[in-house]
PDB file of N, CA and C in Angstrom:
ATOM      1  N   GLU A   1      67.178  60.404  54.534  1.00  0.00           N
ATOM      2  CA  GLU A   1      68.613  60.451  54.603  1.00  0.00           C
ATOM      3  C   GLU A   1      69.106  59.372  55.552  1.00  0.00           C
ATOM      4  N   SER A   2      70.196  58.789  55.202  1.00  0.00           N
ATOM      5  CA  SER A   2      70.739  57.763  56.083  1.00  0.00           C
ATOM      6  C   SER A   2      71.748  58.394  57.030  1.00  0.00           C
ATOM      7  N   LEU A   3      71.785  57.869  58.221  1.00  0.00           N
ATOM      8  CA  LEU A   3      72.700  58.347  59.248  1.00  0.00           C
ATOM      9  C   LEU A   3      74.053  57.691  59.034  1.00  0.00           C
ATOM     10  N   ASN A   4      75.070  58.490  58.896  1.00  0.00           N
ATOM     11  CA  ASN A   4      76.404  57.963  58.689  1.00  0.00           C
ATOM     12  C   ASN A   4      77.088  57.824  60.046  1.00  0.00           C
ATOM     13  N   LEU A   5      77.181  56.607  60.545  1.00  0.00           N
ATOM     14  CA  LEU A   5      77.737  56.354  61.870  1.00  0.00           C
ATOM     15  C   LEU A   5      79.214  56.718  61.949  1.00  0.00           C
ATOM     16  N   GLU A   6      79.920  56.516  60.865  1.00  0.00           N
ATOM     17  CA  GLU A   6      81.343  56.834  60.874  1.00  0.00           C
ATOM     18  C   GLU A   6      81.559  58.338  61.052  1.00  0.00           C
ATOM     19  N   ASP A   7      80.793  59.160  60.330  1.00  0.00           N
ATOM     20  CA  ASP A   7      80.900  60.616  60.462  1.00  0.00           C
ATOM     21  C   ASP A   7      80.511  61.059  61.878  1.00  0.00           C
ATOM     22  N   THR A   8      79.444  60.466  62.400  1.00  0.00           N
ATOM     23  CA  THR A   8      78.994  60.809  63.749  1.00  0.00           C
ATOM     24  C   THR A   8      80.059  60.448  64.777  1.00  0.00           C
ATOM     25  N   SER A   9      80.655  59.298  64.621  1.00  0.00           N
ATOM     26  CA  SER A   9      81.709  58.861  65.529  1.00  0.00           C
ATOM     27  C   SER A   9      82.905  59.799  65.455  1.00  0.00           C
ATOM     28  N   ASN A  10      83.279  60.228  64.255  1.00  0.00           N
ATOM     29  CA  ASN A  10      84.389  61.172  64.078  1.00  0.00           C
ATOM     30  C   ASN A  10      84.086  62.513  64.754  1.00  0.00           C
ATOM     31  N   GLU A  11      82.855  62.987  64.604  1.00  0.00           N
ATOM     32  CA  GLU A  11      82.472  64.262  65.209  1.00  0.00           C
ATOM     33  C   GLU A  11      82.500  64.170  66.738  1.00  0.00           C
ATOM     34  N   ILE A  12      82.050  63.056  67.287  1.00  0.00           N
ATOM     35  CA  ILE A  12      82.080  62.854  68.739  1.00  0.00           C
ATOM     36  C   ILE A  12      83.536  62.834  69.216  1.00  0.00           C
ATOM     37  N   GLY A  13      84.399  62.175  68.470  1.00  0.00           N
ATOM     38  CA  GLY A  13      85.822  62.144  68.813  1.00  0.00           C
ATOM     39  C   GLY A  13      86.427  63.536  68.823  1.00  0.00           C
ATOM     40  N   LYS A  14      86.069  64.351  67.815  1.00  0.00           N
ATOM     41  CA  LYS A  14      86.569  65.728  67.747  1.00  0.00           C
ATOM     42  C   LYS A  14      86.062  66.554  68.932  1.00  0.00           C
ATOM     43  N   LEU A  15      84.784  66.365  69.277  1.00  0.00           N
ATOM     44  CA  LEU A  15      84.217  67.099  70.413  1.00  0.00           C
ATOM     45  C   LEU A  15      84.913  66.709  71.723  1.00  0.00           C
ATOM     46  N   ASN A  16      85.199  65.421  71.896  1.00  0.00           N
ATOM     47  CA  ASN A  16      85.900  64.967  73.096  1.00  0.00           C
ATOM     48  C   ASN A  16      87.309  65.554  73.166  1.00  0.00           C
ATOM     49  N   GLU A  17      87.960  65.654  72.010  1.00  0.00           N
ATOM     50  CA  GLU A  17      89.305  66.230  71.961  1.00  0.00           C
ATOM     51  C   GLU A  17      89.269  67.708  72.340  1.00  0.00           C
ATOM     52  N   VAL A  18      88.304  68.447  71.805  1.00  0.00           N
ATOM     53  CA  VAL A  18      88.160  69.868  72.115  1.00  0.00           C
ATOM     54  C   VAL A  18      87.835  70.046  73.603  1.00  0.00           C
ATOM     55  N   GLU A  19      86.986  69.186  74.139  1.00  0.00           N
ATOM     56  CA  GLU A  19      86.643  69.260  75.553  1.00  0.00           C
ATOM     57  C   GLU A  19      87.886  69.074  76.423  1.00  0.00           C
ATOM     58  N   GLY A  20      88.740  68.129  76.052  1.00  0.00           N
ATOM     59  CA  GLY A  20      89.981  67.909  76.786  1.00  0.00           C
ATOM     60  C   GLY A  20      90.895  69.119  76.718  1.00  0.00           C
ATOM     61  N   GLN A  21      90.997  69.725  75.545  1.00  0.00           N
ATOM     62  CA  GLN A  21      91.839  70.904  75.376  1.00  0.00           C
ATOM     63  C   GLN A  21      91.313  72.075  76.212  1.00  0.00           C
ATOM     64  N   LEU A  22      89.989  72.246  76.236  1.00  0.00           N
ATOM     65  CA  LEU A  22      89.393  73.311  77.032  1.00  0.00           C
ATOM     66  C   LEU A  22      89.644  73.091  78.520  1.00  0.00           C
ATOM     67  N   SER A  23      89.593  71.859  78.943  1.00  0.00           N
ATOM     68  CA  SER A  23      89.857  71.530  80.346  1.00  0.00           C
ATOM     69  C   SER A  23      91.294  71.893  80.729  1.00  0.00           C
ATOM     70  N   VAL A  24      92.240  71.577  79.845  1.00  0.00           N
ATOM     71  CA  VAL A  24      93.645  71.916  80.091  1.00  0.00           C
ATOM     72  C   VAL A  24      93.818  73.432  80.151  1.00  0.00           C
ATOM     73  N   LEU A  25      93.208  74.153  79.221  1.00  0.00           N
ATOM     74  CA  LEU A  25      93.316  75.615  79.204  1.00  0.00           C
ATOM     75  C   LEU A  25      92.706  76.230  80.462  1.00  0.00           C
ATOM     76  N   GLN A  26      91.592  75.700  80.911  1.00  0.00           N
ATOM     77  CA  GLN A  26      90.950  76.196  82.122  1.00  0.00           C
ATOM     78  C   GLN A  26      91.868  75.984  83.328  1.00  0.00           C
ATOM     79  N   SER A  27      92.501  74.834  83.404  1.00  0.00           N
ATOM     80  CA  SER A  27      93.420  74.536  84.500  1.00  0.00           C
ATOM     81  C   SER A  27      94.626  75.474  84.468  1.00  0.00           C
ATOM     82  N   LEU A  28      95.191  75.698  83.283  1.00  0.00           N
ATOM     83  CA  LEU A  28      96.329  76.605  83.147  1.00  0.00           C
ATOM     84  C   LEU A  28      95.960  78.026  83.566  1.00  0.00           C
ATOM     85  N   ARG A  29      94.767  78.451  83.171  1.00  0.00           N
ATOM     86  CA  ARG A  29      94.309  79.798  83.517  1.00  0.00           C
ATOM     87  C   ARG A  29      94.171  79.944  85.027  1.00  0.00           C
ATOM     88  N   LYS A  30      93.593  78.951  85.686  1.00  0.00           N
ATOM     89  CA  LYS A  30      93.422  78.988  87.133  1.00  0.00           C
ATOM     90  C   LYS A  30      94.787  79.006  87.826  1.00  0.00           C
ATOM     91  N   ASN A  31      95.713  78.152  87.387  1.00  0.00           N
ATOM     92  CA  ASN A  31      97.047  78.118  87.992  1.00  0.00           C
ATOM     93  C   ASN A  31      97.774  79.444  87.803  1.00  0.00           C
ATOM     94  N   HIS A  32      97.592  80.062  86.630  1.00  0.00           N
ATOM     95  CA  HIS A  32      98.212  81.360  86.359  1.00  0.00           C
ATOM     96  C   HIS A  32      97.646  82.415  87.316  1.00  0.00           C
ATOM     97  N   ALA A  33      96.331  82.418  87.493  1.00  0.00           N
ATOM     98  CA  ALA A  33      95.704  83.373  88.404  1.00  0.00           C
ATOM     99  C   ALA A  33      96.171  83.127  89.833  1.00  0.00           C
ATOM    100  N   ASP A  34      96.260  81.863  90.233  1.00  0.00           N
ATOM    101  CA  ASP A  34      96.728  81.526  91.583  1.00  0.00           C
ATOM    102  C   ASP A  34      98.170  81.982  91.792  1.00  0.00           C
ATOM    103  N   SER A  35      99.036  81.745  90.807  1.00  0.00           N
ATOM    104  CA  SER A  35     100.439  82.147  90.966  1.00  0.00           C
ATOM    105  C   SER A  35     100.558  83.666  91.008  1.00  0.00           C
ATOM    106  N   ASN A  36      99.768  84.378  90.224  1.00  0.00           N
ATOM    107  CA  ASN A  36      99.792  85.839  90.270  1.00  0.00           C
ATOM    108  C   ASN A  36      99.368  86.349  91.640  1.00  0.00           C
ATOM    109  N   LYS A  37      98.344  85.695  92.223  1.00  0.00           N
ATOM    110  CA  LYS A  37      97.883  86.115  93.548  1.00  0.00           C
ATOM    111  C   LYS A  37      98.978  85.885  94.588  1.00  0.00           C
ATOM    112  N   ILE A  38      99.609  84.715  94.557  1.00  0.00           N
ATOM    113  CA  ILE A  38     100.664  84.415  95.525  1.00  0.00           C
ATOM    114  C   ILE A  38     101.808  85.418  95.399  1.00  0.00           C
ATOM    115  N   LEU A  39     102.235  85.690  94.169  1.00  0.00           N
ATOM    116  CA  LEU A  39     103.331  86.651  93.961  1.00  0.00           C
ATOM    117  C   LEU A  39     102.943  88.047  94.435  1.00  0.00           C
ATOM    118  N   SER A  40     101.698  88.418  94.216  1.00  0.00           N
ATOM    119  CA  SER A  40     101.213  89.719  94.665  1.00  0.00           C
ATOM    120  C   SER A  40     101.206  89.803  96.192  1.00  0.00           C
ATOM    121  N   VAL A  41     100.732  88.741  96.847  1.00  0.00           N
ATOM    122  CA  VAL A  41     100.726  88.709  98.318  1.00  0.00           C
ATOM    123  C   VAL A  41     102.156  88.828  98.844  1.00  0.00           C
ATOM    124  N   LEU A  42     103.068  88.074  98.254  1.00  0.00           N
ATOM    125  CA  LEU A  42     104.465  88.118  98.703  1.00  0.00           C
ATOM    126  C   LEU A  42     105.059  89.515  98.506  1.00  0.00           C
ATOM    127  N   ALA A  43     104.805  90.108  97.368  1.00  0.00           N
ATOM    128  CA  ALA A  43     105.355  91.437  97.078  1.00  0.00           C
ATOM    129  C   ALA A  43     104.825  92.486  98.054  1.00  0.00           C
ATOM    130  N   ASN A  44     103.568  92.341  98.454  1.00  0.00           N
ATOM    131  CA  ASN A  44     102.956  93.332  99.342  1.00  0.00           C
ATOM    132  C   ASN A  44     103.250  93.084 100.821  1.00  0.00           C
ATOM    133  N   SER A  45     103.861  91.947 101.144  1.00  0.00           N
ATOM    134  CA  SER A  45     104.088  91.643 102.561  1.00  0.00           C
ATOM    135  C   SER A  45     105.564  91.622 102.947  1.00  0.00           C
ATOM    136  N   VAL A  46     106.414  92.213 102.128  1.00  0.00           N
ATOM    137  CA  VAL A  46     107.846  92.234 102.432  1.00  0.00           C
ATOM    138  C   VAL A  46     108.210  93.552 103.115  1.00  0.00           C
ATOM    139  N   HIS A  47     108.813  93.430 104.277  1.00  0.00           N
ATOM    140  CA  HIS A  47     109.288  94.598 105.018  1.00  0.00           C
ATOM    141  C   HIS A  47     110.477  95.206 104.260  1.00  0.00           C
ATOM    142  N   PRO A  48     110.602  96.538 104.255  1.00  0.00           N
ATOM    143  CA  PRO A  48     111.696  97.165 103.494  1.00  0.00           C
ATOM    144  C   PRO A  48     113.097  96.807 103.993  1.00  0.00           C
ATOM    145  N   LYS A  49     113.218  96.318 105.234  1.00  0.00           N
ATOM    146  CA  LYS A  49     114.538  95.960 105.760  1.00  0.00           C
ATOM    147  C   LYS A  49     114.723  94.448 105.838  1.00  0.00           C
ATOM    148  N   VAL A  50     113.988  93.734 104.963  1.00  0.00           N
ATOM    149  CA  VAL A  50     114.082  92.274 104.879  1.00  0.00           C
ATOM    150  C   VAL A  50     114.240  91.900 103.408  1.00  0.00           C
ATOM    151  N   TYR A  51     115.101  90.928 103.143  1.00  0.00           N
ATOM    152  CA  TYR A  51     115.172  90.384 101.783  1.00  0.00           C
ATOM    153  C   TYR A  51     115.205  88.866 101.882  1.00  0.00           C
ATOM    154  N   TYR A  52     114.818  88.226 100.783  1.00  0.00           N
ATOM    155  CA  TYR A  52     114.726  86.765 100.753  1.00  0.00           C
ATOM    156  C   TYR A  52     115.779  86.202  99.816  1.00  0.00           C
ATOM    157  N   LYS A  53     116.500  85.191 100.316  1.00  0.00           N
ATOM    158  CA  LYS A  53     117.547  84.548  99.536  1.00  0.00           C
ATOM    159  C   LYS A  53     117.006  83.394  98.712  1.00  0.00           C
ATOM    160  N   ASN A  54     116.088  82.643  99.282  1.00  0.00           N
ATOM    161  CA  ASN A  54     115.518  81.474  98.603  1.00  0.00           C
ATOM    162  C   ASN A  54     114.007  81.503  98.742  1.00  0.00           C
ATOM    163  N   THR A  55     113.329  81.162  97.668  1.00  0.00           N
ATOM    164  CA  THR A  55     111.872  81.105  97.689  1.00  0.00           C
ATOM    165  C   THR A  55     111.428  79.874  96.921  1.00  0.00           C
ATOM    166  N   ASP A  56     110.561  79.103  97.558  1.00  0.00           N
ATOM    167  CA  ASP A  56     109.986  77.913  96.932  1.00  0.00           C
ATOM    168  C   ASP A  56     108.473  78.050  97.030  1.00  0.00           C
ATOM    169  N   ILE A  57     107.801  78.197  95.887  1.00  0.00           N
ATOM    170  CA  ILE A  57     106.358  78.430  95.861  1.00  0.00           C
ATOM    171  C   ILE A  57     105.644  77.200  95.307  1.00  0.00           C
ATOM    172  N   ASP A  58     104.650  76.745  96.053  1.00  0.00           N
ATOM    173  CA  ASP A  58     103.787  75.639  95.624  1.00  0.00           C
ATOM    174  C   ASP A  58     102.419  76.243  95.311  1.00  0.00           C
ATOM    175  N   VAL A  59     102.185  76.539  94.042  1.00  0.00           N
ATOM    176  CA  VAL A  59     100.964  77.220  93.620  1.00  0.00           C
ATOM    177  C   VAL A  59      99.729  76.375  93.918  1.00  0.00           C
ATOM    178  N   LEU A  60      99.802  75.086  93.644  1.00  0.00           N
ATOM    179  CA  LEU A  60      98.630  74.229  93.839  1.00  0.00           C
ATOM    180  C   LEU A  60      98.184  74.172  95.299  1.00  0.00           C
ATOM    181  N   ARG A  61      99.133  74.193  96.217  1.00  0.00           N
ATOM    182  CA  ARG A  61      98.801  74.133  97.645  1.00  0.00           C
ATOM    183  C   ARG A  61      98.697  75.520  98.276  1.00  0.00           C
ATOM    184  N   GLY A  62      99.108  76.559  97.549  1.00  0.00           N
ATOM    185  CA  GLY A  62      99.053  77.919  98.078  1.00  0.00           C
ATOM    186  C   GLY A  62     100.043  78.167  99.192  1.00  0.00           C
ATOM    187  N   LYS A  63     101.244  77.631  99.032  1.00  0.00           N
ATOM    188  CA  LYS A  63     102.261  77.750 100.077  1.00  0.00           C
ATOM    189  C   LYS A  63     103.536  78.366  99.510  1.00  0.00           C
ATOM    190  N   ALA A  64     104.225  79.099 100.366  1.00  0.00           N
ATOM    191  CA  ALA A  64     105.522  79.668 100.004  1.00  0.00           C
ATOM    192  C   ALA A  64     106.477  79.400 101.154  1.00  0.00           C
ATOM    193  N   LYS A  65     107.633  78.817 100.838  1.00  0.00           N
ATOM    194  CA  LYS A  65     108.674  78.544 101.825  1.00  0.00           C
ATOM    195  C   LYS A  65     109.873  79.406 101.441  1.00  0.00           C
ATOM    196  N   MET A  66     110.332  80.239 102.385  1.00  0.00           N
ATOM    197  CA  MET A  66     111.385  81.186 102.055  1.00  0.00           C
ATOM    198  C   MET A  66     112.426  81.261 103.168  1.00  0.00           C
ATOM    199  N   THR A  67     113.642  81.619 102.781  1.00  0.00           N
ATOM    200  CA  THR A  67     114.707  81.925 103.716  1.00  0.00           C
ATOM    201  C   THR A  67     115.032  83.401 103.545  1.00  0.00           C
ATOM    202  N   GLY A  68     115.011  84.129 104.653  1.00  0.00           N
ATOM    203  CA  GLY A  68     115.225  85.565 104.565  1.00  0.00           C
ATOM    204  C   GLY A  68     116.271  86.074 105.525  1.00  0.00           C
ATOM    205  N   ILE A  69     116.654  87.323 105.291  1.00  0.00           N
ATOM    206  CA  ILE A  69     117.578  88.035 106.161  1.00  0.00           C
ATOM    207  C   ILE A  69     116.913  89.365 106.531  1.00  0.00           C
ATOM    208  N   ALA A  70     116.759  89.589 107.844  1.00  0.00           N
ATOM    209  CA  ALA A  70     116.266  90.870 108.345  1.00  0.00           C
ATOM    210  C   ALA A  70     117.460  91.676 108.829  1.00  0.00           C
ATOM    211  N   LEU A  71     117.401  92.980 108.682  1.00  0.00           N
ATOM    212  CA  LEU A  71     118.510  93.847 109.080  1.00  0.00           C
ATOM    213  C   LEU A  71     118.855  93.673 110.564  1.00  0.00           C
ATOM    214  N   ASN A  72     117.816  93.504 111.397  1.00  0.00           N
ATOM    215  CA  ASN A  72     118.014  93.363 112.835  1.00  0.00           C
ATOM    216  C   ASN A  72     116.774  92.675 113.438  1.00  0.00           C
ATOM    217  N   PRO A  73     116.810  92.345 114.740  1.00  0.00           N
ATOM    218  CA  PRO A  73     115.649  91.679 115.349  1.00  0.00           C
ATOM    219  C   PRO A  73     114.351  92.492 115.256  1.00  0.00           C
ATOM    220  N   LYS A  74     114.459  93.806 115.357  1.00  0.00           N
ATOM    221  CA  LYS A  74     113.266  94.654 115.246  1.00  0.00           C
ATOM    222  C   LYS A  74     112.641  94.518 113.849  1.00  0.00           C
ATOM    223  N   SER A  75     113.454  94.489 112.812  1.00  0.00           N
ATOM    224  CA  SER A  75     112.946  94.334 111.441  1.00  0.00           C
ATOM    225  C   SER A  75     112.248  92.984 111.278  1.00  0.00           C
ATOM    226  N   LEU A  76     112.813  91.949 111.885  1.00  0.00           N
ATOM    227  CA  LEU A  76     112.169  90.631 111.816  1.00  0.00           C
ATOM    228  C   LEU A  76     110.821  90.668 112.528  1.00  0.00           C
ATOM    229  N   SER A  77     110.774  91.297 113.674  1.00  0.00           N
ATOM    230  CA  SER A  77     109.518  91.426 114.413  1.00  0.00           C
ATOM    231  C   SER A  77     108.474  92.183 113.585  1.00  0.00           C
ATOM    232  N   GLU A  78     108.898  93.235 112.919  1.00  0.00           N
ATOM    233  CA  GLU A  78     107.979  94.008 112.070  1.00  0.00           C
ATOM    234  C   GLU A  78     107.532  93.188 110.861  1.00  0.00           C
ATOM    235  N   GLN A  79     108.433  92.348 110.329  1.00  0.00           N
ATOM    236  CA  GLN A  79     108.067  91.467 109.217  1.00  0.00           C
ATOM    237  C   GLN A  79     106.991  90.481 109.659  1.00  0.00           C
ATOM    238  N   VAL A  80     107.164  89.899 110.830  1.00  0.00           N
ATOM    239  CA  VAL A  80     106.171  88.960 111.363  1.00  0.00           C
ATOM    240  C   VAL A  80     104.824  89.669 111.543  1.00  0.00           C
ATOM    241  N   SER A  81     104.859  90.904 111.993  1.00  0.00           N
ATOM    242  CA  SER A  81     103.632  91.688 112.151  1.00  0.00           C
ATOM    243  C   SER A  81     102.918  91.884 110.809  1.00  0.00           C
ATOM    244  N   LEU A  82     103.694  92.087 109.739  1.00  0.00           N
ATOM    245  CA  LEU A  82     103.090  92.213 108.402  1.00  0.00           C
ATOM    246  C   LEU A  82     102.384  90.927 108.000  1.00  0.00           C
ATOM    247  N   TYR A  83     103.012  89.784 108.273  1.00  0.00           N
ATOM    248  CA  TYR A  83     102.351  88.503 107.987  1.00  0.00           C
ATOM    249  C   TYR A  83     101.051  88.389 108.763  1.00  0.00           C
ATOM    250  N   PHE A  84     101.095  88.753 110.024  1.00  0.00           N
ATOM    251  CA  PHE A  84      99.930  88.637 110.899  1.00  0.00           C
ATOM    252  C   PHE A  84      98.774  89.499 110.397  1.00  0.00           C
ATOM    253  N   LYS A  85      99.087  90.698 109.937  1.00  0.00           N
ATOM    254  CA  LYS A  85      98.047  91.641 109.496  1.00  0.00           C
ATOM    255  C   LYS A  85      97.511  91.356 108.099  1.00  0.00           C
ATOM    256  N   ASP A  86      98.241  90.609 107.294  1.00  0.00           N
ATOM    257  CA  ASP A  86      97.841  90.358 105.904  1.00  0.00           C
ATOM    258  C   ASP A  86      96.686  89.369 105.856  1.00  0.00           C
ATOM    259  N   LYS A  87      95.541  89.834 105.401  1.00  0.00           N
ATOM    260  CA  LYS A  87      94.322  89.005 105.332  1.00  0.00           C
ATOM    261  C   LYS A  87      94.439  87.875 104.314  1.00  0.00           C
ATOM    262  N   ASN A  88      95.421  87.954 103.412  1.00  0.00           N
ATOM    263  CA  ASN A  88      95.619  86.911 102.397  1.00  0.00           C
ATOM    264  C   ASN A  88      96.503  85.772 102.887  1.00  0.00           C
ATOM    265  N   ILE A  89      97.083  85.939 104.063  1.00  0.00           N
ATOM    266  CA  ILE A  89      97.933  84.896 104.645  1.00  0.00           C
ATOM    267  C   ILE A  89      97.145  84.231 105.764  1.00  0.00           C
ATOM    268  N   SER A  90      96.818  82.960 105.574  1.00  0.00           N
ATOM    269  CA  SER A  90      96.003  82.270 106.582  1.00  0.00           C
ATOM    270  C   SER A  90      96.849  81.757 107.745  1.00  0.00           C
ATOM    271  N   SER A  91      98.120  81.458 107.503  1.00  0.00           N
ATOM    272  CA  SER A  91      99.004  81.062 108.600  1.00  0.00           C
ATOM    273  C   SER A  91     100.453  81.262 108.173  1.00  0.00           C
ATOM    274  N   TYR A  92     101.315  81.351 109.166  1.00  0.00           N
ATOM    275  CA  TYR A  92     102.752  81.478 108.913  1.00  0.00           C
ATOM    276  C   TYR A  92     103.495  80.782 110.038  1.00  0.00           C
ATOM    277  N   GLU A  93     104.670  80.294 109.698  1.00  0.00           N
ATOM    278  CA  GLU A  93     105.515  79.618 110.682  1.00  0.00           C
ATOM    279  C   GLU A  93     106.944  80.090 110.495  1.00  0.00           C
ATOM    280  N   ILE A  94     107.496  80.704 111.523  1.00  0.00           N
ATOM    281  CA  ILE A  94     108.871  81.189 111.499  1.00  0.00           C
ATOM    282  C   ILE A  94     109.746  80.141 112.171  1.00  0.00           C
ATOM    283  N   SER A  95     110.895  79.828 111.573  1.00  0.00           N
ATOM    284  CA  SER A  95     111.794  78.843 112.164  1.00  0.00           C
ATOM    285  C   SER A  95     113.242  79.197 111.813  1.00  0.00           C
ATOM    286  N   LYS A  96     114.165  78.455 112.402  1.00  0.00           N
ATOM    287  CA  LYS A  96     115.602  78.571 112.114  1.00  0.00           C
ATOM    288  C   LYS A  96     116.106  80.008 112.217  1.00  0.00           C
ATOM    289  N   VAL A  97     115.709  80.702 113.277  1.00  0.00           N
ATOM    290  CA  VAL A  97     116.145  82.083 113.491  1.00  0.00           C
ATOM    291  C   VAL A  97     117.566  82.068 114.070  1.00  0.00           C
ATOM    292  N   SER A  98     118.458  82.827 113.445  1.00  0.00           N
ATOM    293  CA  SER A  98     119.832  82.903 113.937  1.00  0.00           C
ATOM    294  C   SER A  98     120.456  84.243 113.557  1.00  0.00           C
ATOM    295  N   LEU A  99     121.372  84.704 114.404  1.00  0.00           N
ATOM    296  CA  LEU A  99     122.115  85.921 114.100  1.00  0.00           C
ATOM    297  C   LEU A  99     123.233  85.580 113.126  1.00  0.00           C
ATOM    298  N   VAL A 100     123.356  86.374 112.094  1.00  0.00           N
ATOM    299  CA  VAL A 100     124.427  86.210 111.110  1.00  0.00           C
ATOM    300  C   VAL A 100     125.127  87.558 110.951  1.00  0.00           C
ATOM    301  N   LYS A 101     126.207  87.561 110.218  1.00  0.00           N
ATOM    302  CA  LYS A 101     127.029  88.764 110.051  1.00  0.00           C
ATOM    303  C   LYS A 101     126.217  89.973 109.564  1.00  0.00           C
ATOM    304  N   ASN A 102     125.292  89.738 108.636  1.00  0.00           N
ATOM    305  CA  ASN A 102     124.561  90.858 108.043  1.00  0.00           C
ATOM    306  C   ASN A 102     123.121  90.995 108.550  1.00  0.00           C
ATOM    307  N   GLY A 103     122.796  90.387 109.711  1.00  0.00           N
ATOM    308  CA  GLY A 103     121.456  90.561 110.255  1.00  0.00           C
ATOM    309  C   GLY A 103     120.938  89.328 110.969  1.00  0.00           C
ATOM    310  N   VAL A 104     119.649  89.066 110.784  1.00  0.00           N
ATOM    311  CA  VAL A 104     118.983  87.934 111.407  1.00  0.00           C
ATOM    312  C   VAL A 104     118.436  87.031 110.301  1.00  0.00           C
ATOM    313  N   LYS A 105     118.954  85.826 110.236  1.00  0.00           N
ATOM    314  CA  LYS A 105     118.510  84.867 109.229  1.00  0.00           C
ATOM    315  C   LYS A 105     117.308  84.103 109.786  1.00  0.00           C
ATOM    316  N   PHE A 106     116.337  83.797 108.921  1.00  0.00           N
ATOM    317  CA  PHE A 106     115.156  83.060 109.346  1.00  0.00           C
ATOM    318  C   PHE A 106     114.535  82.328 108.163  1.00  0.00           C
ATOM    319  N   SER A 107     113.712  81.351 108.487  1.00  0.00           N
ATOM    320  CA  SER A 107     112.909  80.658 107.475  1.00  0.00           C
ATOM    321  C   SER A 107     111.451  80.912 107.797  1.00  0.00           C
ATOM    322  N   VAL A 108     110.633  80.940 106.769  1.00  0.00           N
ATOM    323  CA  VAL A 108     109.191  81.143 106.974  1.00  0.00           C
ATOM    324  C   VAL A 108     108.429  80.248 105.996  1.00  0.00           C
ATOM    325  N   LEU A 109     107.341  79.691 106.491  1.00  0.00           N
ATOM    326  CA  LEU A 109     106.405  78.934 105.666  1.00  0.00           C
ATOM    327  C   LEU A 109     105.080  79.676 105.721  1.00  0.00           C
ATOM    328  N   LEU A 110     104.635  80.149 104.569  1.00  0.00           N
ATOM    329  CA  LEU A 110     103.377  80.912 104.490  1.00  0.00           C
ATOM    330  C   LEU A 110     102.305  80.052 103.831  1.00  0.00           C
ATOM    331  N   ASP A 111     101.093  80.167 104.347  1.00  0.00           N
ATOM    332  CA  ASP A 111      99.926  79.539 103.736  1.00  0.00           C
ATOM    333  C   ASP A 111      99.064  80.668 103.200  1.00  0.00           C
ATOM    334  N   ILE A 112      98.977  80.767 101.876  1.00  0.00           N
ATOM    335  CA  ILE A 112      98.255  81.858 101.219  1.00  0.00           C
ATOM    336  C   ILE A 112      96.819  81.418 100.941  1.00  0.00           C
ATOM    337  N   LYS A 113      95.867  82.275 101.302  1.00  0.00           N
ATOM    338  CA  LYS A 113      94.455  81.959 101.023  1.00  0.00           C
ATOM    339  C   LYS A 113      94.222  81.960  99.523  1.00  0.00           C
ATOM    340  N   LYS A 114      93.397  81.020  99.075  1.00  0.00           N
ATOM    341  CA  LYS A 114      93.074  80.956  97.636  1.00  0.00           C
ATOM    342  C   LYS A 114      91.857  81.759  97.310  1.00  0.00           C
TER     343      LYS A 114
END
């Protein structure tokens, strides 16, 4: 039997295309799992007397930047304690703390473990 180079070349091209598609699907699956983990960590680390007005999540870097309102200074302190105790949060940074009409406004940058 003779080897048909054109058919072989076509099959190699198809295999390379499938490999690329599998790589994209694997990346999407990982990003989906990472985003689910980040959302789960955030949901489990919110104090009942704190709410967040703005949230910016960077799934690839495992970071969440949020602006929140705590009912009072004690609630903010308890929120910080939740961050500290959460084993899924590797670091946090609280900034821009100010008293506002409806509580204590603050910003937080969380680094979520992957």
